[in-house]
C-alpha atoms as a PDB file:
ATOM      1  CA  UNK A   1      -0.123  -0.279   0.329  1.00  0.00           C
ATOM      2  CA  UNK A   2       2.996   2.112   0.862  1.00  0.00           C
ATOM      3  CA  UNK A   3       4.170   1.648  -3.309  1.00  0.00           C
ATOM      4  CA  UNK A   4       1.352   2.949  -4.473  1.00  0.00           C
ATOM      5  CA  UNK A   5       0.235   5.317  -2.155  1.00  0.00           C
ATOM      6  CA  UNK A   6       4.075   6.940  -2.553  1.00  0.00           C
ATOM      7  CA  UNK A   7       4.139   5.805  -6.630  1.00  0.00           C
ATOM      8  CA  UNK A   8       0.165   8.242  -7.424  1.00  0.00           C
ATOM      9  CA  UNK A   9       1.715  11.179  -4.956  1.00  0.00           C
ATOM     10  CA  UNK A  10       4.437  11.363  -7.077  1.00  0.00           C
ATOM     11  CA  UNK A  11       2.731  11.115 -10.441  1.00  0.00           C
ATOM     12  CA  UNK A  12       0.402  14.145  -9.680  1.00  0.00           C
ATOM     13  CA  UNK A  13       2.995  16.229  -7.854  1.00  0.00           C
ATOM     14  CA  UNK A  14       4.608  15.866 -11.161  1.00  0.00           C
ATOM     15  CA  UNK A  15       1.680  16.589 -13.821  1.00  0.00           C
ATOM     16  CA  UNK A  16       0.528  19.473 -11.776  1.00  0.00           C
ATOM     17  CA  UNK A  17       4.399  20.757 -11.586  1.00  0.00           C
ATOM     18  CA  UNK A  18       4.679  20.299 -15.027  1.00  0.00           C
ATOM     19  CA  UNK A  19       0.903  22.796 -15.799  1.00  0.00           C
ATOM     20  CA  UNK A  20       2.037  24.853 -13.158  1.00  0.00           C
ATOM     21  CA  UNK A  21       6.083  25.334 -12.473  1.00  0.00           C
ATOM     22  CA  UNK A  22       8.027  23.927 -14.701  1.00  0.00           C
ATOM     23  CA  UNK A  23       8.093  26.376 -17.784  1.00  0.00           C
ATOM     24  CA  UNK A  24       7.423  30.045 -16.105  1.00  0.00           C
ATOM     25  CA  UNK A  25      10.693  28.364 -14.315  1.00  0.00           C
ATOM     26  CA  UNK A  26      12.263  27.354 -16.430  1.00  0.00           C
ATOM     27  CA  UNK A  27      11.817  30.292 -18.906  1.00  0.00           C
ATOM     28  CA  UNK A  28      12.707  32.885 -15.687  1.00  0.00           C
ATOM     29  CA  UNK A  29      16.038  31.082 -15.621  1.00  0.00           C
ATOM     30  CA  UNK A  30      17.000  31.091 -19.711  1.00  0.00           C
ATOM     31  CA  UNK A  31      16.065  35.060 -19.910  1.00  0.00           C
ATOM     32  CA  UNK A  32      18.728  35.395 -16.967  1.00  0.00           C
ATOM     33  CA  UNK A  33      21.552  34.609 -19.423  1.00  0.00           C
ATOM     34  CA  UNK A  34      23.039  35.594 -23.134  1.00  0.00           C
ATOM     35  CA  UNK A  35      23.082  32.989 -25.209  1.00  0.00           C
ATOM     36  CA  UNK A  36      24.864  33.386 -28.891  1.00  0.00           C
ATOM     37  CA  UNK A  37      23.458  30.473 -30.327  1.00  0.00           C
ATOM     38  CA  UNK A  38      19.610  28.492 -30.099  1.00  0.00           C
ATOM     39  CA  UNK A  39      19.851  26.038 -29.354  1.00  0.00           C
ATOM     40  CA  UNK A  40      21.807  26.218 -26.689  1.00  0.00           C
ATOM     41  CA  UNK A  41      18.423  28.257 -25.672  1.00  0.00           C
ATOM     42  CA  UNK A  42      16.480  25.249 -26.077  1.00  0.00           C
ATOM     43  CA  UNK A  43      18.512  22.869 -24.289  1.00  0.00           C
ATOM     44  CA  UNK A  44      18.918  24.810 -21.089  1.00  0.00           C
ATOM     45  CA  UNK A  45      14.747  24.669 -21.756  1.00  0.00           C
ATOM     46  CA  UNK A  46      14.406  21.522 -21.400  1.00  0.00           C
ATOM     47  CA  UNK A  47      17.226  20.789 -19.142  1.00  0.00           C
ATOM     48  CA  UNK A  48      15.167  23.358 -16.297  1.00  0.00           C
ATOM     49  CA  UNK A  49      11.925  21.707 -17.527  1.00  0.00           C
ATOM     50  CA  UNK A  50      12.539  18.441 -16.349  1.00  0.00           C
ATOM     51  CA  UNK A  51      14.802  19.212 -13.715  1.00  0.00           C
ATOM     52  CA  UNK A  52      11.867  20.744 -12.429  1.00  0.00           C
ATOM     53  CA  UNK A  53       9.874  17.971 -13.381  1.00  0.00           C
ATOM     54  CA  UNK A  54      12.086  15.461 -11.660  1.00  0.00           C
ATOM     55  CA  UNK A  55      12.220  17.713  -7.973  1.00  0.00           C
ATOM     56  CA  UNK A  56       8.162  17.715  -8.572  1.00  0.00           C
ATOM     57  CA  UNK A  57       8.296  13.472  -8.462  1.00  0.00           C
ATOM     58  CA  UNK A  58      10.988  13.263  -6.146  1.00  0.00           C
ATOM     59  CA  UNK A  59       9.190  15.842  -3.760  1.00  0.00           C
ATOM     60  CA  UNK A  60       5.462  13.890  -4.761  1.00  0.00           C
ATOM     61  CA  UNK A  61       7.711  10.287  -3.953  1.00  0.00           C
ATOM     62  CA  UNK A  62       8.632  11.285  -0.317  1.00  0.00           C
ATOM     63  CA  UNK A  63       5.655  12.914   0.711  1.00  0.00           C
ATOM     64  CA  UNK A  64       3.279  10.023  -0.548  1.00  0.00           C
ATOM     65  CA  UNK A  65       5.711   7.123   1.294  1.00  0.00           C
ATOM     66  CA  UNK A  66       5.066   9.532   4.834  1.00  0.00           C
ATOM     67  CA  UNK A  67       1.471   8.970   3.920  1.00  0.00           C
ATOM     68  CA  UNK A  68       1.131   5.458   3.210  1.00  0.00           C
ATOM     69  CA  UNK A  69       3.580   4.712   5.885  1.00  0.00           C
ATOM     70  CA  UNK A  70       1.451   5.559   8.356  1.00  0.00           C
ATOM     71  CA  UNK A  71      -2.359   3.902   6.716  1.00  0.00           C
ATOM     72  CA  UNK A  72      -0.036   1.270   5.978  1.00  0.00           C
ATOM     73  CA  UNK A  73       0.836   0.864   9.953  1.00  0.00           C
ATOM     74  CA  UNK A  74       0.539  -3.064  11.685  1.00  0.00           C
ATOM     75  CA  UNK A  75      -1.780  -3.013  14.425  1.00  0.00           C
ATOM     76  CA  UNK A  76      -1.356  -4.910  17.211  1.00  0.00           C
ATOM     77  CA  UNK A  77      -3.470  -7.627  17.368  1.00  0.00           C
ATOM     78  CA  UNK A  78      -4.137  -9.576  20.268  1.00  0.00           C
ATOM     79  CA  UNK A  79      -3.308 -14.464  20.107  1.00  0.00           C
ATOM     80  CA  UNK A  80      -6.344 -16.056  20.239  1.00  0.00           C
ATOM     81  CA  UNK A  81      -6.241 -18.772  23.395  1.00  0.00           C
END
């Protein structure tokens, strides 16, 4: 159960980052530099975009792992006599 929750939250965090965060952050960072070649712009933009998505997915995995750990704790059982 813990792995399932971690995978689902990782996907959700990555999706949210892809839609709302990655492109603005990548564009902001690309605007901070000057380039000689348009390919350099595209390479940096792609690398930052993928890096933000990866970071969000890792954060989502950790959050899901912690939530899943709370859900899947073993409950003490009393032995039948």
